[in-house]
Amino acid sequence: MPFIKVQTSVPTPDRAAAEVLLKSLSSSLAKHTGKPEAYVMTAFEPDVAMTFAGTLDPVCYVEIKSVGTMQPDQTQAMSQDFCQKINAALGVATNRVYIEFADAKGYMWGWNGSTFG
């Protein structure tokens, strides 16, 4: 049920680099949320036309969603961790990364023909 999607203006890295990033994000998201990695989904969308602060410099938008309630200390730790991972993997400056955290009610998250609520 935890989900992380990375959209970036950075061109597509080679497949191996993208897979390393996705696997790193997956294991980290499981650890941060305390949920089994078997339920974690990741997505990566490179080459998105984006601006930030009025420029076309490399930028990244990240969505993190999970069933349950994320606490302020948890989102702070995730922001630091994921900004660093994205900077290392894609070269996007951490001050050009926005992260949206969203809690989902279990009944609003479907899987395997049912919901988590």
Protein backbone atom coordinates (compact mmCIF):
# COMPACT_ATOMS: atom_id res chain seq x y z
CA MET A 1 0.00 0.00 0.00
CA PRO A 2 2.84 2.50 0.35
CA PHE A 3 3.50 4.13 -3.00
CA ILE A 4 6.23 6.47 -4.19
CA LYS A 5 6.21 8.12 -7.61
CA VAL A 6 9.10 10.21 -8.88
CA GLN A 7 8.51 12.63 -11.76
CA THR A 8 11.54 14.49 -13.03
CA SER A 9 12.70 16.68 -15.87
CA VAL A 10 15.96 14.73 -15.98
CA PRO A 11 16.39 12.58 -19.10
CA THR A 12 15.93 8.85 -18.78
CA PRO A 13 18.94 7.26 -17.10
CA ASP A 14 20.04 3.85 -18.28
CA ARG A 15 17.70 1.04 -17.26
CA ALA A 16 20.07 -0.36 -14.63
CA ALA A 17 20.38 3.03 -12.89
CA ALA A 18 16.59 3.50 -12.86
CA GLU A 19 16.12 0.01 -11.39
CA VAL A 20 18.70 0.69 -8.67
CA LEU A 21 16.89 3.91 -7.75
CA LEU A 22 13.47 2.21 -7.67
CA LYS A 23 14.72 -0.65 -5.50
CA SER A 24 16.40 1.78 -3.12
CA LEU A 25 13.23 3.86 -2.83
CA SER A 26 11.15 0.71 -2.28
CA SER A 27 13.22 -0.64 0.59
CA SER A 28 13.51 2.80 2.20
CA LEU A 29 9.77 3.46 1.98
CA ALA A 30 9.03 0.10 3.61
CA LYS A 31 11.45 0.92 6.41
CA HIS A 32 10.08 4.43 6.96
CA THR A 33 6.44 3.33 7.02
CA GLY A 34 7.00 0.06 8.89
CA LYS A 35 5.05 -1.78 6.20
CA PRO A 36 6.17 -4.95 4.39
CA GLU A 37 8.06 -4.23 1.18
CA ALA A 38 5.80 -6.83 -0.45
CA TYR A 39 3.12 -4.07 -0.51
CA VAL A 40 5.34 -1.19 -1.70
CA MET A 41 4.97 0.14 -5.26
CA THR A 42 7.38 2.52 -6.98
CA ALA A 43 7.09 4.49 -10.22
CA PHE A 44 9.60 6.60 -12.13
CA GLU A 45 8.68 9.10 -14.84
CA PRO A 46 11.71 10.83 -16.42
CA ASP A 47 11.72 13.48 -19.16
CA VAL A 48 8.66 15.30 -17.81
CA ALA A 49 8.41 18.90 -19.00
CA MET A 50 8.65 20.82 -15.73
CA THR A 51 9.67 24.19 -14.31
CA PHE A 52 10.45 25.26 -10.77
CA ALA A 53 11.18 28.81 -9.61
CA GLY A 54 10.71 29.94 -13.20
CA THR A 55 13.57 27.86 -14.61
CA LEU A 56 14.00 24.66 -16.56
CA ASP A 57 16.91 23.49 -14.38
CA PRO A 58 16.58 19.84 -13.27
CA VAL A 59 13.61 19.40 -10.95
CA CYS A 60 11.74 16.57 -9.30
CA TYR A 61 8.24 16.04 -7.87
CA VAL A 62 7.67 13.07 -5.58
CA GLU A 63 4.38 11.64 -4.32
CA ILE A 64 4.37 9.39 -1.28
CA LYS A 65 1.08 7.77 -0.27
CA SER A 66 0.31 5.22 2.39
CA VAL A 67 -2.64 3.78 4.25
CA GLY A 68 -2.63 5.10 7.80
CA THR A 69 -1.25 8.24 9.34
CA MET A 70 2.25 9.53 8.71
CA GLN A 71 3.66 11.55 11.61
CA PRO A 72 5.67 14.80 11.27
CA ASP A 73 8.94 13.20 12.38
CA GLN A 74 8.35 10.39 9.89
CA THR A 75 7.75 12.73 6.93
CA GLN A 76 10.76 14.86 7.94
CA ALA A 77 13.00 11.77 7.91
CA MET A 78 11.55 10.62 4.58
CA SER A 79 12.05 14.05 3.01
CA GLN A 80 15.70 14.08 4.02
CA ASP A 81 16.30 10.49 2.90
CA PHE A 82 14.50 10.66 -0.44
CA CYS A 83 15.93 14.07 -1.38
CA GLN A 84 19.43 12.70 -0.80
CA LYS A 85 18.72 9.52 -2.80
CA ILE A 86 17.30 11.52 -5.72
CA ASN A 87 20.22 13.94 -5.65
CA ALA A 88 22.73 11.08 -5.71
CA ALA A 89 20.93 9.13 -8.44
CA LEU A 90 19.71 11.93 -10.71
CA GLY A 91 21.76 14.98 -9.80
CA VAL A 92 18.70 17.06 -8.91
CA ALA A 93 19.55 19.58 -6.17
CA THR A 94 17.63 18.90 -2.97
CA ASN A 95 16.19 22.43 -3.03
CA ARG A 96 14.56 21.56 -6.38
CA VAL A 97 12.64 18.55 -5.05
CA TYR A 98 9.06 18.83 -3.83
CA ILE A 99 7.56 15.89 -1.95
CA GLU A 100 3.84 15.47 -1.36
CA PHE A 101 2.88 13.14 1.48
CA ALA A 102 -0.66 11.78 1.53
CA ASP A 103 -2.38 9.52 4.04
CA ALA A 104 -5.06 7.26 2.59
CA LYS A 105 -7.97 5.68 4.40
CA GLY A 106 -7.92 1.91 4.01
CA TYR A 107 -11.29 1.82 2.26
CA MET A 108 -9.94 4.28 -0.33
CA TRP A 109 -7.06 1.98 -1.36
CA GLY A 110 -7.91 -1.11 -3.43
CA TRP A 111 -5.86 -4.22 -3.98
CA ASN A 112 -6.50 -7.78 -5.10
CA GLY A 113 -10.22 -7.20 -5.67
CA SER A 114 -10.77 -5.69 -2.21
CA THR A 115 -9.64 -2.73 -0.11
CA PHE A 116 -7.50 -2.26 2.98
CA GLY A 117 -10.43 -0.87 4.98
